[in-house]
PDB file of N, CA and C in Angstrom:
ATOM      1  N   MET A   1      -6.783 119.628 -73.787  1.00  0.00           N
ATOM      2  CA  MET A   1      -5.987 120.841 -73.719  1.00  0.00           C
ATOM      3  C   MET A   1      -5.103 120.897 -74.958  1.00  0.00           C
ATOM      4  N   SER A   2      -5.127 121.975 -75.697  1.00  0.00           N
ATOM      5  CA  SER A   2      -4.316 122.110 -76.898  1.00  0.00           C
ATOM      6  C   SER A   2      -2.859 122.355 -76.526  1.00  0.00           C
ATOM      7  N   ASP A   3      -1.943 122.081 -77.470  1.00  0.00           N
ATOM      8  CA  ASP A   3      -0.514 122.277 -77.232  1.00  0.00           C
ATOM      9  C   ASP A   3      -0.205 123.716 -76.850  1.00  0.00           C
ATOM     10  N   LYS A   4      -0.939 124.661 -77.433  1.00  0.00           N
ATOM     11  CA  LYS A   4      -0.681 126.070 -77.175  1.00  0.00           C
ATOM     12  C   LYS A   4      -0.929 126.433 -75.709  1.00  0.00           C
ATOM     13  N   LYS A   5      -1.812 125.712 -75.042  1.00  0.00           N
ATOM     14  CA  LYS A   5      -2.156 125.991 -73.650  1.00  0.00           C
ATOM     15  C   LYS A   5      -1.456 125.037 -72.685  1.00  0.00           C
ATOM     16  N   GLN A   6      -0.483 124.276 -73.148  1.00  0.00           N
ATOM     17  CA  GLN A   6       0.223 123.328 -72.287  1.00  0.00           C
ATOM     18  C   GLN A   6       1.073 124.079 -71.266  1.00  0.00           C
ATOM     19  N   PRO A   7       0.791 123.918 -69.981  1.00  0.00           N
ATOM     20  CA  PRO A   7       1.618 124.576 -68.966  1.00  0.00           C
ATOM     21  C   PRO A   7       3.047 124.059 -68.995  1.00  0.00           C
ATOM     22  N   LYS A   8       3.963 124.901 -68.599  1.00  0.00           N
ATOM     23  CA  LYS A   8       5.385 124.568 -68.544  1.00  0.00           C
ATOM     24  C   LYS A   8       5.867 124.650 -67.101  1.00  0.00           C
ATOM     25  N   LEU A   9       6.827 123.816 -66.767  1.00  0.00           N
ATOM     26  CA  LEU A   9       7.518 123.893 -65.490  1.00  0.00           C
ATOM     27  C   LEU A   9       8.932 124.361 -65.773  1.00  0.00           C
ATOM     28  N   VAL A  10       9.259 125.558 -65.291  1.00  0.00           N
ATOM     29  CA  VAL A  10      10.610 126.100 -65.418  1.00  0.00           C
ATOM     30  C   VAL A  10      11.310 125.863 -64.088  1.00  0.00           C
ATOM     31  N   VAL A  11      12.480 125.255 -64.146  1.00  0.00           N
ATOM     32  CA  VAL A  11      13.264 124.987 -62.947  1.00  0.00           C
ATOM     33  C   VAL A  11      14.592 125.711 -63.078  1.00  0.00           C
ATOM     34  N   ILE A  12      14.930 126.461 -62.037  1.00  0.00           N
ATOM     35  CA  ILE A  12      16.185 127.214 -61.993  1.00  0.00           C
ATOM     36  C   ILE A  12      16.942 126.740 -60.758  1.00  0.00           C
ATOM     37  N   ILE A  13      18.147 126.259 -60.941  1.00  0.00           N
ATOM     38  CA  ILE A  13      19.010 125.895 -59.818  1.00  0.00           C
ATOM     39  C   ILE A  13      20.211 126.816 -59.878  1.00  0.00           C
ATOM     40  N   THR A  14      20.430 127.557 -58.791  1.00  0.00           N
ATOM     41  CA  THR A  14      21.467 128.575 -58.811  1.00  0.00           C
ATOM     42  C   THR A  14      21.964 128.894 -57.408  1.00  0.00           C
ATOM     43  N   GLU A  15      22.897 129.806 -57.338  1.00  0.00           N
ATOM     44  CA  GLU A  15      23.483 130.239 -56.080  1.00  0.00           C
ATOM     45  C   GLU A  15      22.475 131.043 -55.264  1.00  0.00           C
ATOM     46  N   SER A  16      22.392 130.737 -53.978  1.00  0.00           N
ATOM     47  CA  SER A  16      21.426 131.435 -53.129  1.00  0.00           C
ATOM     48  C   SER A  16      21.763 132.910 -52.947  1.00  0.00           C
ATOM     49  N   VAL A  17      23.008 133.286 -53.172  1.00  0.00           N
ATOM     50  CA  VAL A  17      23.410 134.680 -52.991  1.00  0.00           C
ATOM     51  C   VAL A  17      22.655 135.634 -53.921  1.00  0.00           C
ATOM     52  N   ILE A  18      22.140 135.132 -55.050  1.00  0.00           N
ATOM     53  CA  ILE A  18      21.430 136.010 -55.986  1.00  0.00           C
ATOM     54  C   ILE A  18      19.912 135.913 -55.857  1.00  0.00           C
ATOM     55  N   GLU A  19      19.421 135.258 -54.826  1.00  0.00           N
ATOM     56  CA  GLU A  19      17.979 135.024 -54.686  1.00  0.00           C
ATOM     57  C   GLU A  19      17.158 136.310 -54.772  1.00  0.00           C
ATOM     58  N   THR A  20      17.479 137.312 -54.003  1.00  0.00           N
ATOM     59  CA  THR A  20      16.668 138.532 -53.960  1.00  0.00           C
ATOM     60  C   THR A  20      16.630 139.219 -55.325  1.00  0.00           C
ATOM     61  N   THR A  21      17.779 139.367 -55.950  1.00  0.00           N
ATOM     62  CA  THR A  21      17.848 140.013 -57.270  1.00  0.00           C
ATOM     63  C   THR A  21      17.105 139.192 -58.316  1.00  0.00           C
ATOM     64  N   LEU A  22      17.303 137.883 -58.282  1.00  0.00           N
ATOM     65  CA  LEU A  22      16.658 137.006 -59.251  1.00  0.00           C
ATOM     66  C   LEU A  22      15.136 137.040 -59.108  1.00  0.00           C
ATOM     67  N   LEU A  23      14.638 137.012 -57.892  1.00  0.00           N
ATOM     68  CA  LEU A  23      13.187 137.056 -57.693  1.00  0.00           C
ATOM     69  C   LEU A  23      12.595 138.383 -58.162  1.00  0.00           C
ATOM     70  N   THR A  24      13.314 139.464 -57.953  1.00  0.00           N
ATOM     71  CA  THR A  24      12.858 140.768 -58.457  1.00  0.00           C
ATOM     72  C   THR A  24      12.784 140.742 -59.978  1.00  0.00           C
ATOM     73  N   ASP A  25      13.816 140.204 -60.619  1.00  0.00           N
ATOM     74  CA  ASP A  25      13.827 140.105 -62.085  1.00  0.00           C
ATOM     75  C   ASP A  25      12.676 139.242 -62.587  1.00  0.00           C
ATOM     76  N   LEU A  26      12.424 138.120 -61.928  1.00  0.00           N
ATOM     77  CA  LEU A  26      11.330 137.232 -62.351  1.00  0.00           C
ATOM     78  C   LEU A  26       9.978 137.918 -62.217  1.00  0.00           C
ATOM     79  N   GLU A  27       9.812 138.688 -61.157  1.00  0.00           N
ATOM     80  CA  GLU A  27       8.560 139.433 -60.975  1.00  0.00           C
ATOM     81  C   GLU A  27       8.363 140.444 -62.097  1.00  0.00           C
ATOM     82  N   VAL A  28       9.424 141.150 -62.472  1.00  0.00           N
ATOM     83  CA  VAL A  28       9.347 142.121 -63.573  1.00  0.00           C
ATOM     84  C   VAL A  28       8.962 141.425 -64.880  1.00  0.00           C
ATOM     85  N   LEU A  29       9.448 140.196 -65.074  1.00  0.00           N
ATOM     86  CA  LEU A  29       9.107 139.437 -66.283  1.00  0.00           C
ATOM     87  C   LEU A  29       7.644 138.990 -66.296  1.00  0.00           C
ATOM     88  N   GLY A  30       6.987 138.985 -65.133  1.00  0.00           N
ATOM     89  CA  GLY A  30       5.586 138.591 -65.080  1.00  0.00           C
ATOM     90  C   GLY A  30       5.307 137.329 -64.297  1.00  0.00           C
ATOM     91  N   VAL A  31       6.310 136.782 -63.618  1.00  0.00           N
ATOM     92  CA  VAL A  31       6.101 135.584 -62.806  1.00  0.00           C
ATOM     93  C   VAL A  31       5.226 135.947 -61.607  1.00  0.00           C
ATOM     94  N   LYS A  32       4.125 135.219 -61.445  1.00  0.00           N
ATOM     95  CA  LYS A  32       3.171 135.503 -60.369  1.00  0.00           C
ATOM     96  C   LYS A  32       3.404 134.644 -59.136  1.00  0.00           C
ATOM     97  N   GLY A  33       3.955 133.456 -59.306  1.00  0.00           N
ATOM     98  CA  GLY A  33       4.173 132.557 -58.187  1.00  0.00           C
ATOM     99  C   GLY A  33       5.327 131.616 -58.459  1.00  0.00           C
ATOM    100  N   PHE A  34       5.883 131.073 -57.396  1.00  0.00           N
ATOM    101  CA  PHE A  34       7.036 130.185 -57.518  1.00  0.00           C
ATOM    102  C   PHE A  34       7.182 129.415 -56.212  1.00  0.00           C
ATOM    103  N   THR A  35       7.998 128.386 -56.242  1.00  0.00           N
ATOM    104  CA  THR A  35       8.383 127.631 -55.064  1.00  0.00           C
ATOM    105  C   THR A  35       9.896 127.625 -54.996  1.00  0.00           C
ATOM    106  N   ILE A  36      10.451 127.874 -53.805  1.00  0.00           N
ATOM    107  CA  ILE A  36      11.899 127.871 -53.616  1.00  0.00           C
ATOM    108  C   ILE A  36      12.268 126.802 -52.602  1.00  0.00           C
ATOM    109  N   SER A  37      13.312 126.038 -52.914  1.00  0.00           N
ATOM    110  CA  SER A  37      13.854 125.031 -52.003  1.00  0.00           C
ATOM    111  C   SER A  37      15.354 125.228 -51.899  1.00  0.00           C
ATOM    112  N   ASP A  38      15.919 124.886 -50.750  1.00  0.00           N
ATOM    113  CA  ASP A  38      17.369 124.850 -50.665  1.00  0.00           C
ATOM    114  C   ASP A  38      17.813 123.476 -51.144  1.00  0.00           C
ATOM    115  N   VAL A  39      18.889 123.434 -51.904  1.00  0.00           N
ATOM    116  CA  VAL A  39      19.338 122.186 -52.524  1.00  0.00           C
ATOM    117  C   VAL A  39      20.860 122.079 -52.433  1.00  0.00           C
ATOM    118  N   ARG A  40      21.339 120.897 -52.699  1.00  0.00           N
ATOM    119  CA  ARG A  40      22.780 120.681 -52.747  1.00  0.00           C
ATOM    120  C   ARG A  40      23.090 119.762 -53.901  1.00  0.00           C
ATOM    121  N   GLY A  41      24.326 119.756 -54.327  1.00  0.00           N
ATOM    122  CA  GLY A  41      24.693 118.897 -55.437  1.00  0.00           C
ATOM    123  C   GLY A  41      26.124 119.128 -55.884  1.00  0.00           C
ATOM    124  N   ARG A  42      26.463 118.504 -56.982  1.00  0.00           N
ATOM    125  CA  ARG A  42      27.808 118.605 -57.538  1.00  0.00           C
ATOM    126  C   ARG A  42      27.688 118.803 -59.040  1.00  0.00           C
ATOM    127  N   GLY A  43      28.509 119.689 -59.556  1.00  0.00           N
ATOM    128  CA  GLY A  43      28.535 119.966 -60.982  1.00  0.00           C
ATOM    129  C   GLY A  43      29.925 120.396 -61.405  1.00  0.00           C
ATOM    130  N   HIS A  44      30.029 120.994 -62.570  1.00  0.00           N
ATOM    131  CA  HIS A  44      31.352 121.368 -63.081  1.00  0.00           C
ATOM    132  C   HIS A  44      32.015 122.460 -62.253  1.00  0.00           C
ATOM    133  N   ARG A  45      31.254 123.143 -61.411  1.00  0.00           N
ATOM    134  CA  ARG A  45      31.837 124.157 -60.525  1.00  0.00           C
ATOM    135  C   ARG A  45      32.103 123.607 -59.127  1.00  0.00           C
ATOM    136  N   GLY A  46      31.989 122.286 -58.950  1.00  0.00           N
ATOM    137  CA  GLY A  46      32.297 121.666 -57.664  1.00  0.00           C
ATOM    138  C   GLY A  46      31.059 121.305 -56.880  1.00  0.00           C
ATOM    139  N   THR A  47      31.274 120.952 -55.611  1.00  0.00           N
ATOM    140  CA  THR A  47      30.188 120.573 -54.709  1.00  0.00           C
ATOM    141  C   THR A  47      29.655 121.810 -54.021  1.00  0.00           C
ATOM    142  N   ARG A  48      28.329 121.900 -53.941  1.00  0.00           N
ATOM    143  CA  ARG A  48      27.676 123.043 -53.294  1.00  0.00           C
ATOM    144  C   ARG A  48      26.914 122.532 -52.078  1.00  0.00           C
ATOM    145  N   ALA A  49      27.040 123.250 -50.978  1.00  0.00           N
ATOM    146  CA  ALA A  49      26.341 122.888 -49.741  1.00  0.00           C
ATOM    147  C   ALA A  49      24.847 123.122 -49.891  1.00  0.00           C
ATOM    148  N   GLY A  50      24.060 122.507 -49.015  1.00  0.00           N
ATOM    149  CA  GLY A  50      22.614 122.653 -49.082  1.00  0.00           C
ATOM    150  C   GLY A  50      22.045 123.587 -48.032  1.00  0.00           C
ATOM    151  N   GLU A  51      22.885 124.139 -47.165  1.00  0.00           N
ATOM    152  CA  GLU A  51      22.379 125.033 -46.138  1.00  0.00           C
ATOM    153  C   GLU A  51      22.009 126.372 -46.757  1.00  0.00           C
ATOM    154  N   TRP A  52      21.009 127.045 -46.154  1.00  0.00           N
ATOM    155  CA  TRP A  52      20.693 128.396 -46.585  1.00  0.00           C
ATOM    156  C   TRP A  52      21.887 129.271 -46.233  1.00  0.00           C
ATOM    157  N   GLY A  53      22.244 130.148 -47.085  1.00  0.00           N
ATOM    158  CA  GLY A  53      23.389 131.019 -46.869  1.00  0.00           C
ATOM    159  C   GLY A  53      24.054 131.316 -48.183  1.00  0.00           C
ATOM    160  N   ILE A  54      25.119 132.084 -48.139  1.00  0.00           N
ATOM    161  CA  ILE A  54      25.726 132.512 -49.393  1.00  0.00           C
ATOM    162  C   ILE A  54      26.440 131.386 -50.122  1.00  0.00           C
ATOM    163  N   ASP A  55      26.756 130.284 -49.433  1.00  0.00           N
ATOM    164  CA  ASP A  55      27.414 129.162 -50.099  1.00  0.00           C
ATOM    165  C   ASP A  55      26.437 128.133 -50.635  1.00  0.00           C
ATOM    166  N   GLY A  56      25.150 128.300 -50.357  1.00  0.00           N
ATOM    167  CA  GLY A  56      24.163 127.303 -50.744  1.00  0.00           C
ATOM    168  C   GLY A  56      23.611 127.522 -52.138  1.00  0.00           C
ATOM    169  N   ASN A  57      22.786 126.590 -52.539  1.00  0.00           N
ATOM    170  CA  ASN A  57      22.066 126.667 -53.804  1.00  0.00           C
ATOM    171  C   ASN A  57      20.575 126.693 -53.523  1.00  0.00           C
ATOM    172  N   ILE A  58      19.835 127.276 -54.427  1.00  0.00           N
ATOM    173  CA  ILE A  58      18.382 127.258 -54.366  1.00  0.00           C
ATOM    174  C   ILE A  58      17.836 126.662 -55.655  1.00  0.00           C
ATOM    175  N   ARG A  59      16.630 126.146 -55.550  1.00  0.00           N
ATOM    176  CA  ARG A  59      15.900 125.622 -56.706  1.00  0.00           C
ATOM    177  C   ARG A  59      14.579 126.381 -56.740  1.00  0.00           C
ATOM    178  N   ILE A  60      14.339 127.050 -57.847  1.00  0.00           N
ATOM    179  CA  ILE A  60      13.097 127.799 -58.030  1.00  0.00           C
ATOM    180  C   ILE A  60      12.276 127.074 -59.085  1.00  0.00           C
ATOM    181  N   GLU A  61      11.024 126.778 -58.759  1.00  0.00           N
ATOM    182  CA  GLU A  61      10.117 126.125 -59.694  1.00  0.00           C
ATOM    183  C   GLU A  61       8.978 127.080 -60.013  1.00  0.00           C
ATOM    184  N   ILE A  62       8.716 127.230 -61.309  1.00  0.00           N
ATOM    185  CA  ILE A  62       7.677 128.137 -61.789  1.00  0.00           C
ATOM    186  C   ILE A  62       6.801 127.388 -62.778  1.00  0.00           C
ATOM    187  N   VAL A  63       5.493 127.401 -62.568  1.00  0.00           N
ATOM    188  CA  VAL A  63       4.544 126.870 -63.542  1.00  0.00           C
ATOM    189  C   VAL A  63       3.948 128.068 -64.268  1.00  0.00           C
ATOM    190  N   CYS A  64       4.034 128.045 -65.599  1.00  0.00           N
ATOM    191  CA  CYS A  64       3.572 129.189 -66.385  1.00  0.00           C
ATOM    192  C   CYS A  64       3.278 128.743 -67.810  1.00  0.00           C
ATOM    193  N   GLY A  65       2.875 129.686 -68.637  1.00  0.00           N
ATOM    194  CA  GLY A  65       2.625 129.406 -70.040  1.00  0.00           C
ATOM    195  C   GLY A  65       3.916 129.381 -70.843  1.00  0.00           C
ATOM    196  N   GLU A  66       3.826 128.891 -72.070  1.00  0.00           N
ATOM    197  CA  GLU A  66       5.002 128.735 -72.923  1.00  0.00           C
ATOM    198  C   GLU A  66       5.684 130.064 -73.232  1.00  0.00           C
ATOM    199  N   SER A  67       4.926 131.087 -73.496  1.00  0.00           N
ATOM    200  CA  SER A  67       5.515 132.382 -73.831  1.00  0.00           C
ATOM    201  C   SER A  67       6.360 132.916 -72.679  1.00  0.00           C
ATOM    202  N   LEU A  68       5.818 132.861 -71.465  1.00  0.00           N
ATOM    203  CA  LEU A  68       6.568 133.335 -70.309  1.00  0.00           C
ATOM    204  C   LEU A  68       7.784 132.451 -70.045  1.00  0.00           C
ATOM    205  N   SER A  69       7.646 131.150 -70.210  1.00  0.00           N
ATOM    206  CA  SER A  69       8.789 130.257 -69.991  1.00  0.00           C
ATOM    207  C   SER A  69       9.920 130.596 -70.962  1.00  0.00           C
ATOM    208  N   ASP A  70       9.581 130.877 -72.212  1.00  0.00           N
ATOM    209  CA  ASP A  70      10.599 131.271 -73.195  1.00  0.00           C
ATOM    210  C   ASP A  70      11.290 132.571 -72.791  1.00  0.00           C
ATOM    211  N   GLN A  71      10.513 133.530 -72.302  1.00  0.00           N
ATOM    212  CA  GLN A  71      11.079 134.811 -71.856  1.00  0.00           C
ATOM    213  C   GLN A  71      12.020 134.618 -70.671  1.00  0.00           C
ATOM    214  N   ILE A  72      11.600 133.801 -69.715  1.00  0.00           N
ATOM    215  CA  ILE A  72      12.417 133.549 -68.524  1.00  0.00           C
ATOM    216  C   ILE A  72      13.744 132.934 -68.925  1.00  0.00           C
ATOM    217  N   LEU A  73      13.707 131.888 -69.735  1.00  0.00           N
ATOM    218  CA  LEU A  73      14.931 131.181 -70.110  1.00  0.00           C
ATOM    219  C   LEU A  73      15.889 132.078 -70.887  1.00  0.00           C
ATOM    220  N   ALA A  74      15.369 132.870 -71.811  1.00  0.00           N
ATOM    221  CA  ALA A  74      16.225 133.782 -72.585  1.00  0.00           C
ATOM    222  C   ALA A  74      16.836 134.849 -71.686  1.00  0.00           C
ATOM    223  N   PHE A  75      16.048 135.393 -70.778  1.00  0.00           N
ATOM    224  CA  PHE A  75      16.538 136.421 -69.867  1.00  0.00           C
ATOM    225  C   PHE A  75      17.644 135.883 -68.964  1.00  0.00           C
ATOM    226  N   LEU A  76      17.425 134.715 -68.386  1.00  0.00           N
ATOM    227  CA  LEU A  76      18.423 134.135 -67.487  1.00  0.00           C
ATOM    228  C   LEU A  76      19.734 133.872 -68.213  1.00  0.00           C
ATOM    229  N   GLU A  77      19.642 133.352 -69.424  1.00  0.00           N
ATOM    230  CA  GLU A  77      20.852 133.094 -70.198  1.00  0.00           C
ATOM    231  C   GLU A  77      21.617 134.391 -70.451  1.00  0.00           C
ATOM    232  N   GLN A  78      20.902 135.440 -70.793  1.00  0.00           N
ATOM    233  CA  GLN A  78      21.537 136.720 -71.105  1.00  0.00           C
ATOM    234  C   GLN A  78      22.136 137.375 -69.855  1.00  0.00           C
ATOM    235  N   LYS A  79      21.407 137.380 -68.744  1.00  0.00           N
ATOM    236  CA  LYS A  79      21.844 138.155 -67.580  1.00  0.00           C
ATOM    237  C   LYS A  79      22.724 137.385 -66.597  1.00  0.00           C
ATOM    238  N   TYR A  80      22.498 136.088 -66.417  1.00  0.00           N
ATOM    239  CA  TYR A  80      23.124 135.379 -65.311  1.00  0.00           C
ATOM    240  C   TYR A  80      24.150 134.309 -65.684  1.00  0.00           C
ATOM    241  N   TYR A  81      24.009 133.678 -66.826  1.00  0.00           N
ATOM    242  CA  TYR A  81      24.827 132.498 -67.122  1.00  0.00           C
ATOM    243  C   TYR A  81      26.333 132.748 -67.079  1.00  0.00           C
ATOM    244  N   ASP A  82      26.791 133.892 -67.528  1.00  0.00           N
ATOM    245  CA  ASP A  82      28.229 134.138 -67.582  1.00  0.00           C
ATOM    246  C   ASP A  82      28.871 134.327 -66.214  1.00  0.00           C
ATOM    247  N   ASN A  83      28.090 134.724 -65.215  1.00  0.00           N
ATOM    248  CA  ASN A  83      28.675 135.104 -63.932  1.00  0.00           C
ATOM    249  C   ASN A  83      28.260 134.262 -62.736  1.00  0.00           C
ATOM    250  N   TYR A  84      27.304 133.365 -62.904  1.00  0.00           N
ATOM    251  CA  TYR A  84      26.813 132.586 -61.768  1.00  0.00           C
ATOM    252  C   TYR A  84      26.650 131.127 -62.155  1.00  0.00           C
ATOM    253  N   ALA A  85      26.812 130.255 -61.161  1.00  0.00           N
ATOM    254  CA  ALA A  85      26.492 128.848 -61.368  1.00  0.00           C
ATOM    255  C   ALA A  85      24.975 128.754 -61.489  1.00  0.00           C
ATOM    256  N   MET A  86      24.488 128.342 -62.641  1.00  0.00           N
ATOM    257  CA  MET A  86      23.042 128.286 -62.866  1.00  0.00           C
ATOM    258  C   MET A  86      22.746 127.233 -63.916  1.00  0.00           C
ATOM    259  N   ILE A  87      21.741 126.450 -63.627  1.00  0.00           N
ATOM    260  CA  ILE A  87      21.209 125.525 -64.619  1.00  0.00           C
ATOM    261  C   ILE A  87      19.704 125.742 -64.673  1.00  0.00           C
ATOM    262  N   THR A  88      19.152 125.709 -65.861  1.00  0.00           N
ATOM    263  CA  THR A  88      17.715 125.861 -66.028  1.00  0.00           C
ATOM    264  C   THR A  88      17.210 124.781 -66.967  1.00  0.00           C
ATOM    265  N   TYR A  89      15.992 124.384 -66.740  1.00  0.00           N
ATOM    266  CA  TYR A  89      15.343 123.496 -67.694  1.00  0.00           C
ATOM    267  C   TYR A  89      13.847 123.721 -67.640  1.00  0.00           C
ATOM    268  N   CYS A  90      13.201 123.271 -68.697  1.00  0.00           N
ATOM    269  CA  CYS A  90      11.775 123.508 -68.864  1.00  0.00           C
ATOM    270  C   CYS A  90      11.153 122.235 -69.418  1.00  0.00           C
ATOM    271  N   SER A  91       9.984 121.892 -68.895  1.00  0.00           N
ATOM    272  CA  SER A  91       9.283 120.725 -69.405  1.00  0.00           C
ATOM    273  C   SER A  91       7.778 120.969 -69.366  1.00  0.00           C
ATOM    274  N   ASP A  92       7.059 120.187 -70.156  1.00  0.00           N
ATOM    275  CA  ASP A  92       5.610 120.220 -70.097  1.00  0.00           C
ATOM    276  C   ASP A  92       5.181 119.635 -68.762  1.00  0.00           C
ATOM    277  N   VAL A  93       4.098 120.158 -68.232  1.00  0.00           N
ATOM    278  CA  VAL A  93       3.607 119.671 -66.941  1.00  0.00           C
ATOM    279  C   VAL A  93       2.087 119.629 -66.981  1.00  0.00           C
ATOM    280  N   SER A  94       1.527 118.633 -66.343  1.00  0.00           N
ATOM    281  CA  SER A  94       0.070 118.542 -66.209  1.00  0.00           C
ATOM    282  C   SER A  94      -0.287 119.057 -64.825  1.00  0.00           C
ATOM    283  N   VAL A  95      -1.212 119.986 -64.773  1.00  0.00           N
ATOM    284  CA  VAL A  95      -1.630 120.543 -63.493  1.00  0.00           C
ATOM    285  C   VAL A  95      -3.149 120.528 -63.398  1.00  0.00           C
ATOM    286  N   ILE A  96      -3.616 120.435 -62.175  1.00  0.00           N
ATOM    287  CA  ILE A  96      -5.042 120.583 -61.911  1.00  0.00           C
ATOM    288  C   ILE A  96      -5.301 122.080 -61.844  1.00  0.00           C
ATOM    289  N   ARG A  97      -6.349 122.534 -62.444  1.00  0.00           N
ATOM    290  CA  ARG A  97      -6.692 123.964 -62.538  1.00  0.00           C
ATOM    291  C   ARG A  97      -5.630 124.755 -63.306  1.00  0.00           C
ATOM    292  N   PRO A  98      -5.354 124.402 -64.548  1.00  0.00           N
ATOM    293  CA  PRO A  98      -4.330 125.116 -65.318  1.00  0.00           C
ATOM    294  C   PRO A  98      -4.624 126.598 -65.504  1.00  0.00           C
ATOM    295  N   GLU A  99      -5.888 126.989 -65.361  1.00  0.00           N
ATOM    296  CA  GLU A  99      -6.238 128.409 -65.521  1.00  0.00           C
ATOM    297  C   GLU A  99      -5.532 129.272 -64.468  1.00  0.00           C
ATOM    298  N   LYS A 100      -5.140 128.696 -63.343  1.00  0.00           N
ATOM    299  CA  LYS A 100      -4.397 129.447 -62.324  1.00  0.00           C
ATOM    300  C   LYS A 100      -3.025 129.885 -62.849  1.00  0.00           C
ATOM    301  N   PHE A 101      -2.466 129.108 -63.770  1.00  0.00           N
ATOM    302  CA  PHE A 101      -1.116 129.346 -64.230  1.00  0.00           C
ATOM    303  C   PHE A 101      -1.039 129.965 -65.617  1.00  0.00           C
ATOM    304  N   LEU A 102      -2.124 129.860 -66.365  1.00  0.00           N
ATOM    305  CA  LEU A 102      -2.114 130.336 -67.748  1.00  0.00           C
ATOM    306  C   LEU A 102      -2.972 131.579 -67.941  1.00  0.00           C
ATOM    307  N   GLY A 103      -3.528 132.098 -66.847  1.00  0.00           N
ATOM    308  CA  GLY A 103      -4.434 133.228 -66.909  1.00  0.00           C
ATOM    309  C   GLY A 103      -3.809 134.450 -67.344  1.00  0.00           C
TER     310      GLY A 103
END
């Protein structure tokens, strides 16, 4: 597999209160699939509960191509970073059937 076709894993950890809006935005960007988990943790904004609800956090995982991952990260930084607790990261990932994610 060439570097250009290397799938990416984009991970977004953020406040659950913005889930619906965020998922709509991701769909508009071209995200076809994702996995959501409820999570908990501690960061510079304090401790966050892990229960589903407005006080909780969610973790969204997206496997996609490099171009889409770049678009997602730039969009999130522009629209959400100033007003919401959010951390994002992206890494190379090996997947079985990469054509499902890079099509």
